[in-house]
Amino acid sequence: MSAVEHLTGWCSLCAEQSFQIRVKKMQWILQDFEDTRKMAVALDRLDIPYTWHKVVPFIGELTPIPTINDPNAVVMFGSYTLWRYAQANDLKPGVFKIRPFVHEEPWHPFLLNGADALFLTLRDVPEQLPDDGSNWFLRPVEDSKEEPGNVKSTGEIIELANKVLALEEHEIPRGSLRHDTEMMFTKPVRIQKEWRLWVVKDEIVTFSLYKEGSRVVYRHEIDDDALEFAKMLVEANPDYAPAYVIDICRTEDGLKMLETNCINAAGFYEADLLKLVSSIDEFSGG
């Protein structure tokens, strides 16, 4: 074989391999929810295949059992508990797990609720949280979805803790509050606007307004200074996670960071799902 023939054959092989890499698609596994149905519309428009599955309660298995083509090119959207299936079957990226945002020092100066919060495990609440009738914003430290962030009175919080503590550990369903669940408590703040932004590979790919004052409103919009603030947060803590959701808000004291959430289990509101799906599907390239 001449040098030219050898080079031509090598180039043809490289081109074929490159084409195979480009056309390779992420395998999408969806749990049937209202939000994932919206995602399915975007997947259809982009001609990306997906399959529907249910999660077996308390076990975490999927039905029907998915046929995995390549464990290194699978992504799952639905409930947060899907991470257990992804981990048990070594699926990547599977579910993009995140660290507790309150432990991320670069974000401490910008947090609305965080570094200066009161941290208690549920078992410590009845004795260490004064029952003085005041209100607290509370949420688990881990992004575990055991209890959504919300405002409760001290009496309601203590009642919640006592209900959990009345159960033996083995009686508590998986994914529920437990005796050792660490909670964070902060004083409620008046919020003017709240936005959610979707971050993939340290880039904001889409966003949505989801609350204006006390009204829930979903609009694909964001104030210019809020978008710049969010970009600054992402740049301040690079490589926090390959993909995640960040919530920010406007208060009387300016823009603040609310929290981060697992992108696989966060509500989409009015995000541009075509952009989001496209950016995540690119993970299949490596």
C-alpha atoms as a PDB file:
ATOM      1  CA  MET A   1       0.000   0.000   0.000  1.00  0.00           C
ATOM      2  CA  SER A   2       1.390   3.395  -0.942  1.00  0.00           C
ATOM      3  CA  ALA A   3       1.722   6.227   1.555  1.00  0.00           C
ATOM      4  CA  VAL A   4      -1.098   8.078  -0.192  1.00  0.00           C
ATOM      5  CA  GLU A   5      -3.406   5.041  -0.068  1.00  0.00           C
ATOM      6  CA  HIS A   6      -2.541   4.475   3.588  1.00  0.00           C
ATOM      7  CA  LEU A   7      -3.251   8.118   4.452  1.00  0.00           C
ATOM      8  CA  THR A   8      -6.506   8.083   2.492  1.00  0.00           C
ATOM      9  CA  GLY A   9      -7.676   4.945   4.284  1.00  0.00           C
ATOM     10  CA  TRP A  10      -6.705   6.402   7.680  1.00  0.00           C
ATOM     11  CA  CYS A  11      -8.571   9.629   6.980  1.00  0.00           C
ATOM     12  CA  SER A  12     -11.670   7.679   5.885  1.00  0.00           C
ATOM     13  CA  LEU A  13     -11.567   5.690   9.138  1.00  0.00           C
ATOM     14  CA  CYS A  14     -11.184   8.876  11.195  1.00  0.00           C
ATOM     15  CA  ALA A  15     -14.106  10.490   9.380  1.00  0.00           C
ATOM     16  CA  GLU A  16     -16.279   7.431  10.009  1.00  0.00           C
ATOM     17  CA  GLN A  17     -15.374   7.381  13.722  1.00  0.00           C
ATOM     18  CA  SER A  18     -15.977  11.120  14.003  1.00  0.00           C
ATOM     19  CA  PHE A  19     -19.392  10.703  12.378  1.00  0.00           C
ATOM     20  CA  GLN A  20     -20.255   7.917  14.813  1.00  0.00           C
ATOM     21  CA  ILE A  21     -19.366  10.175  17.746  1.00  0.00           C
ATOM     22  CA  ARG A  22     -21.474  13.022  16.410  1.00  0.00           C
ATOM     23  CA  VAL A  23     -24.584  10.957  15.793  1.00  0.00           C
ATOM     24  CA  LYS A  24     -24.378   9.136  19.110  1.00  0.00           C
ATOM     25  CA  LYS A  25     -27.395  10.087  21.224  1.00  0.00           C
ATOM     26  CA  MET A  26     -27.966  10.206  24.938  1.00  0.00           C
ATOM     27  CA  GLN A  27     -30.479   7.611  26.123  1.00  0.00           C
ATOM     28  CA  TRP A  28     -33.287   9.501  27.870  1.00  0.00           C
ATOM     29  CA  ILE A  29     -35.291   7.761  30.608  1.00  0.00           C
ATOM     30  CA  LEU A  30     -38.346   9.673  31.816  1.00  0.00           C
ATOM     31  CA  GLN A  31     -40.663   9.195  34.764  1.00  0.00           C
ATOM     32  CA  ASP A  32     -44.191  10.276  33.847  1.00  0.00           C
ATOM     33  CA  PHE A  33     -44.900  13.721  35.322  1.00  0.00           C
ATOM     34  CA  GLU A  34     -46.467  16.891  33.935  1.00  0.00           C
ATOM     35  CA  ASP A  35     -43.024  18.475  33.562  1.00  0.00           C
ATOM     36  CA  THR A  36     -41.437  15.455  31.900  1.00  0.00           C
ATOM     37  CA  ARG A  37     -44.296  15.433  29.382  1.00  0.00           C
ATOM     38  CA  LYS A  38     -43.209  18.965  28.435  1.00  0.00           C
ATOM     39  CA  MET A  39     -39.664  17.661  28.079  1.00  0.00           C
ATOM     40  CA  ALA A  40     -40.924  14.832  25.853  1.00  0.00           C
ATOM     41  CA  VAL A  41     -42.372  17.420  23.447  1.00  0.00           C
ATOM     42  CA  ALA A  42     -38.933  19.012  23.142  1.00  0.00           C
ATOM     43  CA  LEU A  43     -37.295  15.612  22.672  1.00  0.00           C
ATOM     44  CA  ASP A  44     -39.772  14.793  19.893  1.00  0.00           C
ATOM     45  CA  ARG A  45     -39.038  18.071  18.129  1.00  0.00           C
ATOM     46  CA  LEU A  46     -35.306  17.326  18.292  1.00  0.00           C
ATOM     47  CA  ASP A  47     -35.855  13.733  17.139  1.00  0.00           C
ATOM     48  CA  ILE A  48     -34.262  12.338  20.308  1.00  0.00           C
ATOM     49  CA  PRO A  49     -35.712   8.983  21.480  1.00  0.00           C
ATOM     50  CA  TYR A  50     -36.843   8.389  25.077  1.00  0.00           C
ATOM     51  CA  THR A  51     -38.744   5.807  27.120  1.00  0.00           C
ATOM     52  CA  TRP A  52     -41.329   6.125  29.901  1.00  0.00           C
ATOM     53  CA  HIS A  53     -40.976   4.318  33.229  1.00  0.00           C
ATOM     54  CA  LYS A  54     -42.537   4.157  36.673  1.00  0.00           C
ATOM     55  CA  VAL A  55     -40.599   3.919  39.928  1.00  0.00           C
ATOM     56  CA  VAL A  56     -41.554   1.016  42.194  1.00  0.00           C
ATOM     57  CA  PRO A  57     -42.330   2.619  45.622  1.00  0.00           C
ATOM     58  CA  PHE A  58     -39.876   1.906  48.455  1.00  0.00           C
ATOM     59  CA  ILE A  59     -37.739  -0.265  46.157  1.00  0.00           C
ATOM     60  CA  GLY A  60     -36.535   2.198  43.562  1.00  0.00           C
ATOM     61  CA  GLU A  61     -36.600  -0.196  40.601  1.00  0.00           C
ATOM     62  CA  LEU A  62     -38.055   0.927  37.279  1.00  0.00           C
ATOM     63  CA  THR A  63     -40.928  -0.653  35.423  1.00  0.00           C
ATOM     64  CA  PRO A  64     -40.627  -1.578  32.682  1.00  0.00           C
ATOM     65  CA  ILE A  65     -36.937  -2.283  33.193  1.00  0.00           C
ATOM     66  CA  PRO A  66     -35.025  -0.169  30.654  1.00  0.00           C
ATOM     67  CA  THR A  67     -32.678  -1.785  28.171  1.00  0.00           C
ATOM     68  CA  ILE A  68     -29.475   0.197  28.558  1.00  0.00           C
ATOM     69  CA  ASN A  69     -27.554   0.648  25.324  1.00  0.00           C
ATOM     70  CA  ASP A  70     -24.530   2.404  26.803  1.00  0.00           C
ATOM     71  CA  PRO A  71     -24.306   3.013  30.580  1.00  0.00           C
ATOM     72  CA  ASN A  72     -22.060   6.013  29.897  1.00  0.00           C
ATOM     73  CA  ALA A  73     -24.736   7.837  27.886  1.00  0.00           C
ATOM     74  CA  VAL A  74     -27.930   7.717  29.977  1.00  0.00           C
ATOM     75  CA  VAL A  75     -29.797  10.600  31.574  1.00  0.00           C
ATOM     76  CA  MET A  76     -32.886  10.349  33.782  1.00  0.00           C
ATOM     77  CA  PHE A  77     -35.584  12.941  34.565  1.00  0.00           C
ATOM     78  CA  GLY A  78     -38.432  12.647  37.056  1.00  0.00           C
ATOM     79  CA  SER A  79     -38.329  12.305  40.831  1.00  0.00           C
ATOM     80  CA  TYR A  80     -35.167  12.811  42.848  1.00  0.00           C
ATOM     81  CA  THR A  81     -35.190   9.139  43.902  1.00  0.00           C
ATOM     82  CA  LEU A  82     -34.019   8.214  40.388  1.00  0.00           C
ATOM     83  CA  TRP A  83     -30.448   8.852  41.563  1.00  0.00           C
ATOM     84  CA  ARG A  84     -30.544   5.548  43.451  1.00  0.00           C
ATOM     85  CA  TYR A  85     -31.289   3.604  40.266  1.00  0.00           C
ATOM     86  CA  ALA A  86     -28.626   5.522  38.365  1.00  0.00           C
ATOM     87  CA  GLN A  87     -26.063   4.831  41.074  1.00  0.00           C
ATOM     88  CA  ALA A  88     -26.973   1.159  41.486  1.00  0.00           C
ATOM     89  CA  ASN A  89     -26.617   0.583  37.738  1.00  0.00           C
ATOM     90  CA  ASP A  90     -23.607   2.883  37.255  1.00  0.00           C
ATOM     91  CA  LEU A  91     -25.419   5.057  34.726  1.00  0.00           C
ATOM     92  CA  LYS A  92     -23.652   8.232  33.606  1.00  0.00           C
ATOM     93  CA  PRO A  93     -24.410  11.027  33.756  1.00  0.00           C
ATOM     94  CA  GLY A  94     -27.654   9.508  35.065  1.00  0.00           C
ATOM     95  CA  VAL A  95     -28.672  12.052  37.687  1.00  0.00           C
ATOM     96  CA  PHE A  96     -26.532  15.140  38.285  1.00  0.00           C
ATOM     97  CA  LYS A  97     -26.172  15.081  42.068  1.00  0.00           C
ATOM     98  CA  ILE A  98     -25.134  18.295  43.800  1.00  0.00           C
ATOM     99  CA  ARG A  99     -23.484  19.264  47.073  1.00  0.00           C
ATOM    100  CA  PRO A 100     -25.421  21.280  49.697  1.00  0.00           C
ATOM    101  CA  PHE A 101     -25.226  24.872  48.521  1.00  0.00           C
ATOM    102  CA  VAL A 102     -24.827  26.172  52.082  1.00  0.00           C
ATOM    103  CA  HIS A 103     -21.429  24.447  52.275  1.00  0.00           C
ATOM    104  CA  GLU A 104     -20.103  26.272  49.198  1.00  0.00           C
ATOM    105  CA  GLU A 105     -17.966  29.128  50.579  1.00  0.00           C
ATOM    106  CA  PRO A 106     -17.791  31.154  47.327  1.00  0.00           C
ATOM    107  CA  TRP A 107     -21.563  31.636  47.558  1.00  0.00           C
ATOM    108  CA  HIS A 108     -21.777  32.554  51.252  1.00  0.00           C
ATOM    109  CA  PRO A 109     -21.696  36.365  50.713  1.00  0.00           C
ATOM    110  CA  PHE A 110     -24.664  36.170  48.334  1.00  0.00           C
ATOM    111  CA  LEU A 111     -27.012  33.757  50.117  1.00  0.00           C
ATOM    112  CA  LEU A 112     -30.415  34.838  51.353  1.00  0.00           C
ATOM    113  CA  ASN A 113     -30.588  31.810  53.643  1.00  0.00           C
ATOM    114  CA  GLY A 114     -27.365  30.006  54.364  1.00  0.00           C
ATOM    115  CA  ALA A 115     -24.165  30.383  56.312  1.00  0.00           C
ATOM    116  CA  ASP A 116     -25.771  32.278  59.222  1.00  0.00           C
ATOM    117  CA  ALA A 117     -28.772  29.913  59.466  1.00  0.00           C
ATOM    118  CA  LEU A 118     -29.673  27.762  62.452  1.00  0.00           C
ATOM    119  CA  PHE A 119     -28.809  24.119  61.733  1.00  0.00           C
ATOM    120  CA  LEU A 120     -30.518  21.334  63.682  1.00  0.00           C
ATOM    121  CA  THR A 121     -31.212  17.665  63.094  1.00  0.00           C
ATOM    122  CA  LEU A 122     -34.868  16.777  63.393  1.00  0.00           C
ATOM    123  CA  ARG A 123     -34.259  14.921  66.662  1.00  0.00           C
ATOM    124  CA  ASP A 124     -32.836  18.127  68.205  1.00  0.00           C
ATOM    125  CA  VAL A 125     -35.756  20.353  67.181  1.00  0.00           C
ATOM    126  CA  PRO A 126     -38.143  19.734  70.147  1.00  0.00           C
ATOM    127  CA  GLU A 127     -35.488  20.662  72.711  1.00  0.00           C
ATOM    128  CA  GLN A 128     -33.433  23.277  70.905  1.00  0.00           C
ATOM    129  CA  LEU A 129     -35.979  25.260  68.859  1.00  0.00           C
ATOM    130  CA  PRO A 130     -37.794  27.699  71.210  1.00  0.00           C
ATOM    131  CA  ASP A 131     -41.581  27.378  70.935  1.00  0.00           C
ATOM    132  CA  ASP A 132     -42.145  31.141  70.933  1.00  0.00           C
ATOM    133  CA  GLY A 133     -44.646  31.371  68.088  1.00  0.00           C
ATOM    134  CA  SER A 134     -42.188  32.904  65.617  1.00  0.00           C
ATOM    135  CA  ASN A 135     -41.992  31.837  61.975  1.00  0.00           C
ATOM    136  CA  TRP A 136     -39.054  30.177  60.254  1.00  0.00           C
ATOM    137  CA  PHE A 137     -38.160  29.347  56.688  1.00  0.00           C
ATOM    138  CA  LEU A 138     -36.976  25.731  56.750  1.00  0.00           C
ATOM    139  CA  ARG A 139     -35.584  23.148  54.353  1.00  0.00           C
ATOM    140  CA  PRO A 140     -33.283  20.110  54.539  1.00  0.00           C
ATOM    141  CA  VAL A 141     -29.587  20.911  54.094  1.00  0.00           C
ATOM    142  CA  GLU A 142     -29.215  18.091  51.553  1.00  0.00           C
ATOM    143  CA  ASP A 143     -31.006  18.413  48.222  1.00  0.00           C
ATOM    144  CA  SER A 144     -33.107  15.391  49.100  1.00  0.00           C
ATOM    145  CA  LYS A 145     -36.659  16.701  48.536  1.00  0.00           C
ATOM    146  CA  GLU A 146     -37.717  15.268  51.906  1.00  0.00           C
ATOM    147  CA  GLU A 147     -39.419  18.573  52.744  1.00  0.00           C
ATOM    148  CA  PRO A 148     -39.848  21.487  50.320  1.00  0.00           C
ATOM    149  CA  GLY A 149     -38.559  24.867  51.444  1.00  0.00           C
ATOM    150  CA  ASN A 150     -41.418  26.661  53.195  1.00  0.00           C
ATOM    151  CA  VAL A 151     -42.358  28.863  56.132  1.00  0.00           C
ATOM    152  CA  LYS A 152     -43.800  27.352  59.311  1.00  0.00           C
ATOM    153  CA  SER A 153     -44.358  28.512  62.864  1.00  0.00           C
ATOM    154  CA  THR A 154     -42.221  27.023  65.629  1.00  0.00           C
ATOM    155  CA  GLY A 155     -45.256  25.108  66.873  1.00  0.00           C
ATOM    156  CA  GLU A 156     -45.819  23.551  63.435  1.00  0.00           C
ATOM    157  CA  ILE A 157     -42.129  22.658  63.132  1.00  0.00           C
ATOM    158  CA  ILE A 158     -42.016  20.988  66.540  1.00  0.00           C
ATOM    159  CA  GLU A 159     -45.229  19.087  65.751  1.00  0.00           C
ATOM    160  CA  LEU A 160     -43.676  17.894  62.470  1.00  0.00           C
ATOM    161  CA  ALA A 161     -40.524  16.764  64.279  1.00  0.00           C
ATOM    162  CA  ASN A 162     -42.479  14.897  66.958  1.00  0.00           C
ATOM    163  CA  LYS A 163     -44.491  13.014  64.320  1.00  0.00           C
ATOM    164  CA  VAL A 164     -41.286  11.793  62.710  1.00  0.00           C
ATOM    165  CA  LEU A 165     -39.619  10.988  66.027  1.00  0.00           C
ATOM    166  CA  ALA A 166     -42.649   8.936  67.101  1.00  0.00           C
ATOM    167  CA  LEU A 167     -41.717   6.434  64.370  1.00  0.00           C
ATOM    168  CA  GLU A 168     -38.942   3.895  64.617  1.00  0.00           C
ATOM    169  CA  GLU A 169     -36.209   4.406  62.024  1.00  0.00           C
ATOM    170  CA  HIS A 170     -37.184   1.222  60.164  1.00  0.00           C
ATOM    171  CA  GLU A 171     -40.802   2.426  59.916  1.00  0.00           C
ATOM    172  CA  ILE A 172     -39.889   5.573  57.964  1.00  0.00           C
ATOM    173  CA  PRO A 173     -40.279   5.237  54.171  1.00  0.00           C
ATOM    174  CA  ARG A 174     -37.258   5.914  52.007  1.00  0.00           C
ATOM    175  CA  GLY A 175     -37.121   9.537  50.890  1.00  0.00           C
ATOM    176  CA  SER A 176     -38.960  10.857  53.975  1.00  0.00           C
ATOM    177  CA  LEU A 177     -37.734  12.993  56.846  1.00  0.00           C
ATOM    178  CA  ARG A 178     -35.710  10.971  59.334  1.00  0.00           C
ATOM    179  CA  HIS A 179     -34.487  11.465  62.887  1.00  0.00           C
ATOM    180  CA  ASP A 180     -31.030  12.543  61.686  1.00  0.00           C
ATOM    181  CA  THR A 181     -32.142  14.766  58.779  1.00  0.00           C
ATOM    182  CA  GLU A 182     -30.242  18.046  59.117  1.00  0.00           C
ATOM    183  CA  MET A 183     -32.479  21.074  58.671  1.00  0.00           C
ATOM    184  CA  MET A 184     -31.649  24.742  58.207  1.00  0.00           C
ATOM    185  CA  PHE A 185     -33.813  27.488  59.717  1.00  0.00           C
ATOM    186  CA  THR A 186     -33.756  31.185  58.794  1.00  0.00           C
ATOM    187  CA  LYS A 187     -35.994  34.185  59.354  1.00  0.00           C
ATOM    188  CA  PRO A 188     -38.480  34.789  56.505  1.00  0.00           C
ATOM    189  CA  VAL A 189     -37.706  37.693  54.152  1.00  0.00           C
ATOM    190  CA  ARG A 190     -40.046  39.649  51.860  1.00  0.00           C
ATOM    191  CA  ILE A 191     -39.204  38.620  48.291  1.00  0.00           C
ATOM    192  CA  GLN A 192     -40.202  40.691  45.248  1.00  0.00           C
ATOM    193  CA  LYS A 193     -39.286  38.310  42.403  1.00  0.00           C
ATOM    194  CA  GLU A 194     -37.905  34.787  42.095  1.00  0.00           C
ATOM    195  CA  TRP A 195     -36.176  33.230  39.080  1.00  0.00           C
ATOM    196  CA  ARG A 196     -34.867  29.773  38.228  1.00  0.00           C
ATOM    197  CA  LEU A 197     -31.871  29.344  35.926  1.00  0.00           C
ATOM    198  CA  TRP A 198     -30.571  26.124  34.357  1.00  0.00           C
ATOM    199  CA  VAL A 199     -26.785  25.745  34.308  1.00  0.00           C
ATOM    200  CA  VAL A 200     -25.035  23.195  32.077  1.00  0.00           C
ATOM    201  CA  LYS A 201     -21.228  22.990  31.917  1.00  0.00           C
ATOM    202  CA  ASP A 202     -20.951  26.317  33.777  1.00  0.00           C
ATOM    203  CA  GLU A 203     -23.159  28.104  31.244  1.00  0.00           C
ATOM    204  CA  ILE A 204     -26.684  29.433  31.847  1.00  0.00           C
ATOM    205  CA  VAL A 205     -28.743  27.893  29.045  1.00  0.00           C
ATOM    206  CA  THR A 206     -32.252  29.050  29.989  1.00  0.00           C
ATOM    207  CA  PHE A 207     -34.274  30.728  32.756  1.00  0.00           C
ATOM    208  CA  SER A 208     -37.786  31.445  34.026  1.00  0.00           C
ATOM    209  CA  LEU A 209     -39.539  33.824  36.364  1.00  0.00           C
ATOM    210  CA  TYR A 210     -41.654  31.759  38.751  1.00  0.00           C
ATOM    211  CA  LYS A 211     -42.853  34.132  41.451  1.00  0.00           C
ATOM    212  CA  GLU A 212     -43.698  37.828  41.683  1.00  0.00           C
ATOM    213  CA  GLY A 213     -44.369  38.928  45.237  1.00  0.00           C
ATOM    214  CA  SER A 214     -46.758  36.334  46.645  1.00  0.00           C
ATOM    215  CA  ARG A 215     -48.135  35.413  43.193  1.00  0.00           C
ATOM    216  CA  VAL A 216     -46.947  32.347  41.319  1.00  0.00           C
ATOM    217  CA  VAL A 217     -46.280  33.423  37.731  1.00  0.00           C
ATOM    218  CA  TYR A 218     -44.413  31.498  35.050  1.00  0.00           C
ATOM    219  CA  ARG A 219     -42.850  33.644  32.321  1.00  0.00           C
ATOM    220  CA  HIS A 220     -39.758  33.150  30.191  1.00  0.00           C
ATOM    221  CA  GLU A 221     -38.118  36.377  31.297  1.00  0.00           C
ATOM    222  CA  ILE A 222     -35.478  37.741  33.638  1.00  0.00           C
ATOM    223  CA  ASP A 223     -34.273  41.226  34.587  1.00  0.00           C
ATOM    224  CA  ASP A 224     -30.920  42.131  33.045  1.00  0.00           C
ATOM    225  CA  ASP A 225     -29.207  42.706  36.390  1.00  0.00           C
ATOM    226  CA  ALA A 226     -30.596  39.419  37.729  1.00  0.00           C
ATOM    227  CA  LEU A 227     -29.126  37.512  34.767  1.00  0.00           C
ATOM    228  CA  GLU A 228     -25.742  39.171  35.327  1.00  0.00           C
ATOM    229  CA  PHE A 229     -25.954  38.334  39.039  1.00  0.00           C
ATOM    230  CA  ALA A 230     -26.626  34.679  38.233  1.00  0.00           C
ATOM    231  CA  LYS A 231     -23.708  34.586  35.779  1.00  0.00           C
ATOM    232  CA  MET A 232     -21.473  35.965  38.518  1.00  0.00           C
ATOM    233  CA  LEU A 233     -22.613  33.215  40.895  1.00  0.00           C
ATOM    234  CA  VAL A 234     -21.822  30.515  38.344  1.00  0.00           C
ATOM    235  CA  GLU A 235     -18.396  32.015  37.639  1.00  0.00           C
ATOM    236  CA  ALA A 236     -17.679  32.342  41.377  1.00  0.00           C
ATOM    237  CA  ASN A 237     -18.052  28.594  41.908  1.00  0.00           C
ATOM    238  CA  PRO A 238     -16.965  26.793  38.712  1.00  0.00           C
ATOM    239  CA  ASP A 239     -17.314  23.018  38.416  1.00  0.00           C
ATOM    240  CA  TYR A 240     -19.908  22.906  41.208  1.00  0.00           C
ATOM    241  CA  ALA A 241     -21.763  20.283  39.165  1.00  0.00           C
ATOM    242  CA  PRO A 242     -21.922  19.359  35.463  1.00  0.00           C
ATOM    243  CA  ALA A 243     -25.552  20.520  35.410  1.00  0.00           C
ATOM    244  CA  TYR A 244     -27.772  22.082  38.075  1.00  0.00           C
ATOM    245  CA  VAL A 245     -30.523  24.591  38.780  1.00  0.00           C
ATOM    246  CA  ILE A 246     -29.916  27.823  40.659  1.00  0.00           C
ATOM    247  CA  ASP A 247     -32.705  29.965  42.155  1.00  0.00           C
ATOM    248  CA  ILE A 248     -32.199  33.683  42.805  1.00  0.00           C
ATOM    249  CA  CYS A 249     -34.460  36.469  44.054  1.00  0.00           C
ATOM    250  CA  ARG A 250     -34.849  40.216  44.385  1.00  0.00           C
ATOM    251  CA  THR A 251     -35.378  41.584  47.902  1.00  0.00           C
ATOM    252  CA  GLU A 252     -35.493  45.047  49.442  1.00  0.00           C
ATOM    253  CA  ASP A 253     -31.768  44.580  50.083  1.00  0.00           C
ATOM    254  CA  GLY A 254     -30.963  43.648  46.486  1.00  0.00           C
ATOM    255  CA  LEU A 255     -30.393  40.407  44.600  1.00  0.00           C
ATOM    256  CA  LYS A 256     -29.758  37.222  46.593  1.00  0.00           C
ATOM    257  CA  MET A 257     -29.132  33.550  45.907  1.00  0.00           C
ATOM    258  CA  LEU A 258     -31.866  31.277  47.235  1.00  0.00           C
ATOM    259  CA  GLU A 259     -30.613  27.732  46.622  1.00  0.00           C
ATOM    260  CA  THR A 260     -29.527  25.132  44.099  1.00  0.00           C
ATOM    261  CA  ASN A 261     -31.529  22.095  43.029  1.00  0.00           C
ATOM    262  CA  CYS A 262     -30.952  18.849  41.187  1.00  0.00           C
ATOM    263  CA  ILE A 263     -31.636  19.601  37.524  1.00  0.00           C
ATOM    264  CA  ASN A 264     -33.161  16.144  36.955  1.00  0.00           C
ATOM    265  CA  ALA A 265     -35.981  16.728  39.452  1.00  0.00           C
ATOM    266  CA  ALA A 266     -36.583  20.495  39.305  1.00  0.00           C
ATOM    267  CA  GLY A 267     -39.747  22.037  37.843  1.00  0.00           C
ATOM    268  CA  PHE A 268     -39.299  23.558  34.392  1.00  0.00           C
ATOM    269  CA  TYR A 269     -41.710  26.512  34.715  1.00  0.00           C
ATOM    270  CA  GLU A 270     -41.263  28.470  31.432  1.00  0.00           C
ATOM    271  CA  ALA A 271     -37.727  27.369  30.591  1.00  0.00           C
ATOM    272  CA  ASP A 272     -36.703  26.966  26.956  1.00  0.00           C
ATOM    273  CA  LEU A 273     -36.726  23.165  26.937  1.00  0.00           C
ATOM    274  CA  LEU A 274     -35.297  22.912  23.418  1.00  0.00           C
ATOM    275  CA  LYS A 275     -32.148  24.672  24.627  1.00  0.00           C
ATOM    276  CA  LEU A 276     -32.029  22.651  27.839  1.00  0.00           C
ATOM    277  CA  VAL A 277     -32.481  19.283  26.128  1.00  0.00           C
ATOM    278  CA  SER A 278     -29.911  20.138  23.462  1.00  0.00           C
ATOM    279  CA  SER A 279     -27.295  21.183  26.013  1.00  0.00           C
ATOM    280  CA  ILE A 280     -27.736  18.015  28.097  1.00  0.00           C
ATOM    281  CA  ASP A 281     -27.811  15.734  25.073  1.00  0.00           C
ATOM    282  CA  GLU A 282     -24.324  17.007  24.203  1.00  0.00           C
ATOM    283  CA  PHE A 283     -22.984  15.084  27.203  1.00  0.00           C
ATOM    284  CA  SER A 284     -23.254  11.989  25.014  1.00  0.00           C
ATOM    285  CA  GLY A 285     -20.207  13.184  23.097  1.00  0.00           C
ATOM    286  CA  GLY A 286     -17.980  12.272  26.013  1.00  0.00           C
END
